[in-house]
Amino acid sequence: MEMMTKAKFTMVDPHIKVNIPKISFRDVAGMKEAKQEVMEFVEYMKTPEKFAELGGKVPKGALLLGPPGIGKTMLAKAVAAEAGVPFLSMNGSEFVEMIGGLGAARVRDLFREARKRSPCIIYIDEIDAIGKKRRGENKSSYMTSSEEEHTLNQLLVEMDGLESKTNVIMLASTNRADVLDKALLRPGRFDRHILIDYPTLPERIEILEVYLKKLKIEKDVKFYSTRLAQLTPGMSGADLANICNEAALHAARTGKTVIERNDFEAAVERVVAGAAKKENTMAPIEKRTVAYHEAGHVISGWFLKSTSLPLKVTIVPRTGPALGFAQYMPKDK
């Protein structure tokens, strides 16, 4: 039973020599505003006396908000690496199980370990798994069991117990801030709410260059990064990494020794619309109908000023529901 109550955290400790690559702010491309926000926590971990002399209190925690794949976990790891302190991370879903009281026990164990290794950073990914709104008078609870409620209550107690002298800071991330309990968000717990949005065009160029440097490409990194960034508005860092990997796979499938521009374009198409189903046969009347439809996209895109310019059109079906595919020169928001 004692083993079950142990928190299943992943630990990165700079004081223990292991072959785990460290992530610094230089590895986290884009997210300039978010990095500026979290730098305050790095400064506090390095020189806590500077804040104490002025009578200031550093926030106990920060909540990283943003869509999936945007780089929230990577940013949290970079904070710990830059500060040179241990990093204890868990996923919110790893706390709660069927056995009553197990979630609360794991919360206690996680914070106990963090205090032991102080100065330290705790990170809970997908905190909405244990931080949902509790049952209240308005009946708008997202909780599904009393075990989740007990786990959240214990988390609130532990966060309240984080005094400045403990030198433990808590970071958490979610893409569902709307379901979080208000008690979790109040000042004194997660004081800072840091929004990380989809990368802009310059940020996508920066992110792509990080991944492109790891690939065996035909030309210079900058030859590909700007073009790919223009084709990928609204994509996350994880999407961009996937495109680079798909380009390498496409080059390997076609017997190439280096990755070329058409490999990247094929990768973008695969990520956006799915793989081509070339063996799928359509009746002549179906092909004709799809061709008319896709041609309509191209004509409207070419003549209407308010639309994006067409780049490519095909009536080859994809693994998604579409029978054809029209690609445009996208615009950033």
Protein backbone atom coordinates (compact mmCIF):
# COMPACT_ATOMS: atom_id res chain seq x y z
CA MET A 1 0.00 0.00 0.00
CA GLU A 2 2.89 2.33 0.80
CA MET A 3 4.24 1.93 -2.73
CA MET A 4 0.85 2.87 -4.20
CA THR A 5 0.75 6.15 -2.27
CA LYS A 6 4.11 7.20 -3.71
CA ALA A 7 3.83 9.97 -6.28
CA LYS A 8 4.80 8.76 -9.76
CA PHE A 9 6.77 11.87 -10.61
CA THR A 10 9.55 12.26 -13.16
CA MET A 11 12.61 13.98 -11.70
CA VAL A 12 15.39 15.94 -13.36
CA ASP A 13 18.01 16.91 -10.77
CA PRO A 14 21.05 18.94 -11.91
CA HIS A 15 22.97 17.66 -8.88
CA ILE A 16 22.70 14.05 -10.09
CA LYS A 17 24.77 13.13 -13.13
CA VAL A 18 22.55 11.33 -15.63
CA ASN A 19 22.46 11.32 -19.42
CA ILE A 20 19.28 13.40 -19.72
CA PRO A 21 19.61 16.38 -22.09
CA LYS A 22 18.88 19.69 -20.38
CA ILE A 23 16.47 22.14 -21.98
CA SER A 24 17.44 25.81 -21.76
CA PHE A 25 15.63 28.93 -22.96
CA ARG A 26 17.77 28.77 -26.10
CA ASP A 27 16.10 25.47 -26.96
CA VAL A 28 12.63 27.00 -26.54
CA ALA A 29 12.04 28.89 -29.77
CA GLY A 30 9.38 31.60 -29.86
CA MET A 31 7.29 32.37 -26.75
CA LYS A 32 9.21 35.59 -26.05
CA GLU A 33 6.58 37.13 -23.78
CA ALA A 34 6.05 33.89 -21.85
CA LYS A 35 9.80 33.51 -21.32
CA GLN A 36 10.00 37.04 -19.96
CA GLU A 37 7.23 36.21 -17.48
CA VAL A 38 8.87 33.06 -16.14
CA MET A 39 12.34 34.63 -15.95
CA GLU A 40 11.22 36.21 -12.67
CA PHE A 41 10.97 32.74 -11.14
CA VAL A 42 14.46 31.92 -12.39
CA GLU A 43 15.83 35.08 -10.78
CA TYR A 44 14.10 34.21 -7.51
CA MET A 45 15.56 30.71 -7.47
CA LYS A 46 19.05 32.07 -8.12
CA THR A 47 18.98 35.10 -5.79
CA PRO A 48 16.07 34.85 -3.32
CA GLU A 49 17.75 37.32 -0.95
CA LYS A 50 17.32 40.14 -3.50
CA PHE A 51 13.53 39.84 -3.20
CA ALA A 52 13.55 39.24 0.56
CA GLU A 53 15.54 42.42 1.26
CA LEU A 54 12.85 44.50 -0.45
CA GLY A 55 10.06 42.79 1.45
CA GLY A 56 8.54 41.40 -1.73
CA LYS A 57 6.93 38.01 -2.12
CA VAL A 58 7.50 36.02 -5.24
CA PRO A 59 4.35 34.30 -6.56
CA LYS A 60 4.01 30.73 -5.32
CA GLY A 61 3.02 29.44 -8.70
CA ALA A 62 2.24 30.11 -12.33
CA LEU A 63 -0.39 28.55 -14.56
CA LEU A 64 0.65 28.05 -18.18
CA LEU A 65 -2.39 28.34 -20.45
CA GLY A 66 -2.59 27.39 -24.10
CA PRO A 67 -3.63 24.80 -26.67
CA PRO A 68 -2.01 21.33 -26.86
CA GLY A 69 1.45 21.01 -28.40
CA ILE A 70 2.29 24.67 -27.87
CA GLY A 71 5.37 24.03 -25.68
CA LYS A 72 4.09 24.52 -22.11
CA THR A 73 5.96 21.52 -20.70
CA MET A 74 9.18 22.45 -22.50
CA LEU A 75 9.00 25.97 -21.05
CA ALA A 76 8.53 24.61 -17.53
CA LYS A 77 11.56 22.32 -17.93
CA ALA A 78 13.60 25.26 -19.22
CA VAL A 79 12.77 27.30 -16.10
CA ALA A 80 14.18 24.58 -13.85
CA ALA A 81 17.25 24.10 -16.06
CA GLU A 82 18.01 27.83 -16.17
CA ALA A 83 17.61 28.10 -12.40
CA GLY A 84 19.72 24.98 -11.83
CA VAL A 85 17.21 23.36 -9.46
CA PRO A 86 15.48 19.93 -9.34
CA PHE A 87 12.35 19.54 -11.46
CA LEU A 88 9.58 17.19 -10.31
CA SER A 89 6.84 16.65 -12.89
CA MET A 90 3.60 14.65 -12.92
CA ASN A 91 0.55 14.45 -15.13
CA GLY A 92 -2.73 15.35 -13.46
CA SER A 93 -4.22 11.99 -14.45
CA GLU A 94 -1.52 10.13 -12.48
CA PHE A 95 -2.90 11.24 -9.12
CA VAL A 96 -6.41 9.80 -9.08
CA GLU A 97 -7.26 6.09 -9.21
CA MET A 98 -10.09 3.89 -7.95
CA ILE A 99 -8.72 3.49 -4.42
CA GLY A 100 -10.03 6.20 -2.09
CA GLY A 101 -7.47 8.59 -0.63
CA LEU A 102 -4.75 7.58 -3.07
CA GLY A 103 -4.76 10.90 -4.95
CA ALA A 104 -4.42 12.99 -1.79
CA ALA A 105 -1.60 10.73 -0.55
CA ARG A 106 0.29 11.19 -3.81
CA VAL A 107 -0.10 14.96 -3.60
CA ARG A 108 1.39 14.91 -0.09
CA ASP A 109 4.26 12.70 -1.23
CA LEU A 110 5.06 14.96 -4.20
CA PHE A 111 5.24 18.10 -2.06
CA ARG A 112 7.19 16.26 0.65
CA GLU A 113 9.81 15.28 -1.92
CA ALA A 114 9.93 18.84 -3.28
CA ARG A 115 10.57 20.31 0.19
CA LYS A 116 13.29 17.74 0.73
CA ARG A 117 15.03 18.85 -2.47
CA SER A 118 14.43 22.59 -2.00
CA PRO A 119 15.06 24.82 -3.91
CA CYS A 120 12.84 22.95 -6.34
CA ILE A 121 10.14 23.33 -9.01
CA ILE A 122 6.98 21.21 -9.09
CA TYR A 123 5.21 20.87 -12.43
CA ILE A 124 1.77 19.32 -12.98
CA ASP A 125 0.78 18.86 -16.62
CA GLU A 126 -2.95 18.85 -17.47
CA ILE A 127 -3.88 20.02 -14.00
CA ASP A 128 -7.53 20.14 -15.07
CA ALA A 129 -7.56 16.36 -14.41
CA ILE A 130 -7.52 17.11 -10.66
CA GLY A 131 -8.41 20.80 -10.57
CA LYS A 132 -11.97 20.79 -11.91
CA LYS A 133 -14.70 22.88 -10.31
CA ARG A 134 -16.15 21.23 -7.21
CA ARG A 135 -19.79 20.67 -6.41
CA GLY A 136 -21.40 23.90 -5.27
CA GLU A 137 -24.66 25.69 -4.97
CA ASN A 138 -24.71 26.54 -8.66
CA LYS A 139 -24.51 22.82 -9.59
CA SER A 140 -21.93 23.62 -12.28
CA SER A 141 -19.41 21.04 -11.07
CA TYR A 142 -17.08 19.25 -13.47
CA MET A 143 -16.04 16.76 -10.79
CA THR A 144 -16.92 13.13 -11.47
CA SER A 145 -16.06 11.62 -8.07
CA SER A 146 -15.40 12.52 -4.44
CA GLU A 147 -11.87 11.14 -4.86
CA GLU A 148 -11.08 13.95 -7.32
CA GLU A 149 -12.48 16.47 -4.84
CA HIS A 150 -10.33 15.10 -2.00
CA THR A 151 -7.26 15.26 -4.24
CA LEU A 152 -7.97 18.89 -5.14
CA ASN A 153 -8.53 19.81 -1.49
CA GLN A 154 -5.16 18.30 -0.57
CA LEU A 155 -3.48 20.19 -3.41
CA LEU A 156 -4.92 23.47 -2.11
CA VAL A 157 -3.68 22.67 1.40
CA GLU A 158 -0.17 21.89 0.14
CA MET A 159 -0.01 25.06 -1.96
CA ASP A 160 -1.07 27.14 1.04
CA GLY A 161 1.80 25.54 2.95
CA LEU A 162 4.42 26.77 0.49
CA GLU A 163 6.09 29.56 2.45
CA SER A 164 8.79 31.76 0.97
CA LYS A 165 11.43 30.04 3.08
CA THR A 166 10.65 26.66 1.52
CA ASN A 167 11.88 27.96 -1.85
CA VAL A 168 9.53 25.66 -3.77
CA ILE A 169 7.64 27.02 -6.77
CA MET A 170 4.78 25.29 -8.53
CA LEU A 171 4.09 25.44 -12.25
CA ALA A 172 1.10 23.82 -13.94
CA SER A 173 -0.39 23.75 -17.41
CA THR A 174 -3.81 23.27 -18.96
CA ASN A 175 -5.72 23.86 -22.17
CA ARG A 176 -9.01 23.89 -20.25
CA ALA A 177 -8.79 26.89 -17.91
CA ASP A 178 -12.59 27.24 -18.04
CA VAL A 179 -13.12 24.07 -15.96
CA LEU A 180 -10.65 24.92 -13.16
CA ASP A 181 -11.89 25.57 -9.63
CA LYS A 182 -11.79 29.24 -8.63
CA ALA A 183 -10.02 28.40 -5.37
CA LEU A 184 -7.09 27.11 -7.40
CA LEU A 185 -6.81 30.37 -9.34
CA ARG A 186 -6.99 32.89 -6.52
CA PRO A 187 -3.96 35.01 -5.45
CA GLY A 188 -1.63 33.12 -3.14
CA ARG A 189 -1.82 29.96 -5.21
CA PHE A 190 -1.47 30.40 -8.95
CA ASP A 191 -0.76 34.13 -8.88
CA ARG A 192 0.42 34.28 -12.48
CA HIS A 193 -1.58 33.14 -15.49
CA ILE A 194 0.70 33.00 -18.52
CA LEU A 195 -1.02 32.60 -21.89
CA ILE A 196 0.99 30.85 -24.60
CA ASP A 197 -0.69 31.25 -27.97
CA TYR A 198 0.02 29.70 -31.36
CA PRO A 199 3.34 30.99 -32.75
CA THR A 200 3.36 33.99 -35.06
CA LEU A 201 5.13 33.95 -38.44
CA PRO A 202 8.54 35.08 -37.02
CA GLU A 203 8.17 32.58 -34.16
CA ARG A 204 7.35 29.75 -36.57
CA ILE A 205 10.48 30.59 -38.55
CA GLU A 206 12.50 30.42 -35.33
CA ILE A 207 10.92 27.11 -34.28
CA LEU A 208 11.37 25.54 -37.70
CA GLU A 209 15.05 26.51 -37.81
CA VAL A 210 15.61 24.63 -34.55
CA TYR A 211 14.20 21.42 -36.07
CA LEU A 212 15.65 21.93 -39.55
CA LYS A 213 19.19 22.10 -38.16
CA LYS A 214 18.80 18.48 -37.05
CA LEU A 215 17.89 17.28 -40.56
CA LYS A 216 20.03 16.43 -43.58
CA ILE A 217 18.64 18.99 -46.01
CA GLU A 218 19.61 19.92 -49.56
CA LYS A 219 20.00 23.67 -49.03
CA ASP A 220 20.49 26.19 -46.21
CA VAL A 221 18.06 26.18 -43.28
CA LYS A 222 16.72 29.65 -44.09
CA PHE A 223 15.81 28.53 -47.61
CA TYR A 224 13.11 26.29 -46.12
CA SER A 225 12.14 27.97 -42.84
CA THR A 226 10.45 31.09 -44.25
CA ARG A 227 8.46 29.19 -46.88
CA LEU A 228 7.31 26.54 -44.41
CA ALA A 229 6.35 29.19 -41.86
CA GLN A 230 4.15 30.89 -44.48
CA LEU A 231 2.35 27.60 -45.14
CA THR A 232 1.66 26.78 -41.49
CA PRO A 233 -0.35 29.52 -39.73
CA GLY A 234 -2.26 28.30 -36.70
CA MET A 235 0.08 25.36 -36.17
CA SER A 236 1.75 24.58 -32.86
CA GLY A 237 5.39 23.77 -32.23
CA ALA A 238 4.46 20.07 -32.09
CA ASP A 239 2.82 20.35 -35.52
CA LEU A 240 5.95 21.96 -36.96
CA ALA A 241 8.14 19.23 -35.49
CA ASN A 242 5.82 16.65 -37.03
CA ILE A 243 6.10 18.30 -40.46
CA CYS A 244 9.91 18.16 -40.31
CA ASN A 245 9.77 14.50 -39.34
CA GLU A 246 7.24 13.68 -42.07
CA ALA A 247 9.52 15.37 -44.62
CA ALA A 248 12.39 13.11 -43.57
CA LEU A 249 10.14 10.04 -43.84
CA HIS A 250 8.92 11.12 -47.29
CA ALA A 251 12.50 11.55 -48.51
CA ALA A 252 13.42 8.11 -47.18
CA ARG A 253 10.38 6.48 -48.83
CA THR A 254 11.36 7.95 -52.20
CA GLY A 255 14.99 6.79 -51.91
CA LYS A 256 16.64 10.19 -51.44
CA THR A 257 19.84 10.86 -49.51
CA VAL A 258 18.87 14.44 -48.58
CA ILE A 259 15.56 16.17 -47.86
CA GLU A 260 14.37 18.50 -50.61
CA ARG A 261 11.73 21.22 -50.87
CA ASN A 262 9.06 18.95 -52.36
CA ASP A 263 9.45 16.63 -49.35
CA PHE A 264 8.51 19.47 -47.03
CA GLU A 265 5.56 20.45 -49.21
CA ALA A 266 4.33 16.84 -49.21
CA ALA A 267 4.72 16.78 -45.42
CA VAL A 268 2.60 19.92 -45.02
CA GLU A 269 -0.13 18.38 -47.18
CA ARG A 270 -0.05 15.16 -45.17
CA VAL A 271 -0.34 16.97 -41.82
CA VAL A 272 -3.05 19.36 -43.03
CA ALA A 273 -5.22 17.03 -45.14
CA GLY A 274 -4.00 13.49 -44.48
CA ALA A 275 -2.21 10.97 -46.67
CA ALA A 276 -3.24 10.57 -50.30
CA LYS A 277 -5.40 7.53 -51.12
CA LYS A 278 -4.15 6.90 -54.65
CA GLU A 279 -5.68 3.43 -54.89
CA ASN A 280 -9.16 4.73 -54.12
CA THR A 281 -11.11 4.69 -57.38
CA MET A 282 -13.89 7.14 -58.06
CA ALA A 283 -16.49 6.83 -60.76
CA PRO A 284 -16.08 9.27 -63.67
CA ILE A 285 -19.14 11.25 -62.57
CA GLU A 286 -17.66 11.57 -59.05
CA LYS A 287 -14.32 12.79 -60.41
CA ARG A 288 -16.10 15.33 -62.57
CA THR A 289 -18.15 16.61 -59.61
CA VAL A 290 -15.09 16.88 -57.35
CA ALA A 291 -13.14 18.64 -60.12
CA TYR A 292 -15.89 21.25 -60.53
CA HIS A 293 -15.95 21.77 -56.77
CA GLU A 294 -12.20 22.21 -56.37
CA ALA A 295 -12.02 24.42 -59.47
CA GLY A 296 -14.57 26.68 -57.80
CA HIS A 297 -12.20 27.10 -54.86
CA VAL A 298 -9.36 28.07 -57.18
CA ILE A 299 -11.40 30.56 -59.25
CA SER A 300 -12.80 32.31 -56.17
CA GLY A 301 -9.34 32.43 -54.59
CA TRP A 302 -7.81 33.92 -57.73
CA PHE A 303 -10.39 36.62 -58.48
CA LEU A 304 -11.68 37.70 -55.03
CA LYS A 305 -9.41 40.16 -53.21
CA SER A 306 -10.63 39.09 -49.77
CA THR A 307 -9.48 35.48 -50.22
CA SER A 308 -6.05 33.82 -50.14
CA LEU A 309 -4.22 32.98 -53.35
CA PRO A 310 -4.45 29.32 -54.45
CA LEU A 311 -1.24 27.28 -54.36
CA LYS A 312 -2.30 23.81 -55.40
CA VAL A 313 -5.44 21.83 -56.20
CA THR A 314 -5.94 18.08 -56.54
CA ILE A 315 -8.81 15.62 -56.80
CA VAL A 316 -6.76 12.79 -55.28
CA PRO A 317 -8.74 11.71 -52.17
CA ARG A 318 -7.15 11.95 -48.73
CA THR A 319 -7.43 9.74 -45.65
CA GLY A 320 -9.75 12.39 -44.23
CA PRO A 321 -13.34 12.85 -45.40
CA ALA A 322 -12.41 15.16 -48.31
CA LEU A 323 -12.39 13.75 -51.84
CA GLY A 324 -10.23 16.63 -53.08
CA PHE A 325 -7.85 19.17 -51.65
CA ALA A 326 -7.22 22.85 -52.41
CA GLN A 327 -4.26 24.57 -50.78
CA TYR A 328 -3.95 28.35 -50.44
CA MET A 329 -1.28 30.81 -49.42
CA PRO A 330 -2.50 31.26 -45.84
CA LYS A 331 -2.61 34.53 -43.94
CA ASP A 332 -1.59 35.06 -40.34
CA LYS A 333 -4.21 36.48 -38.01
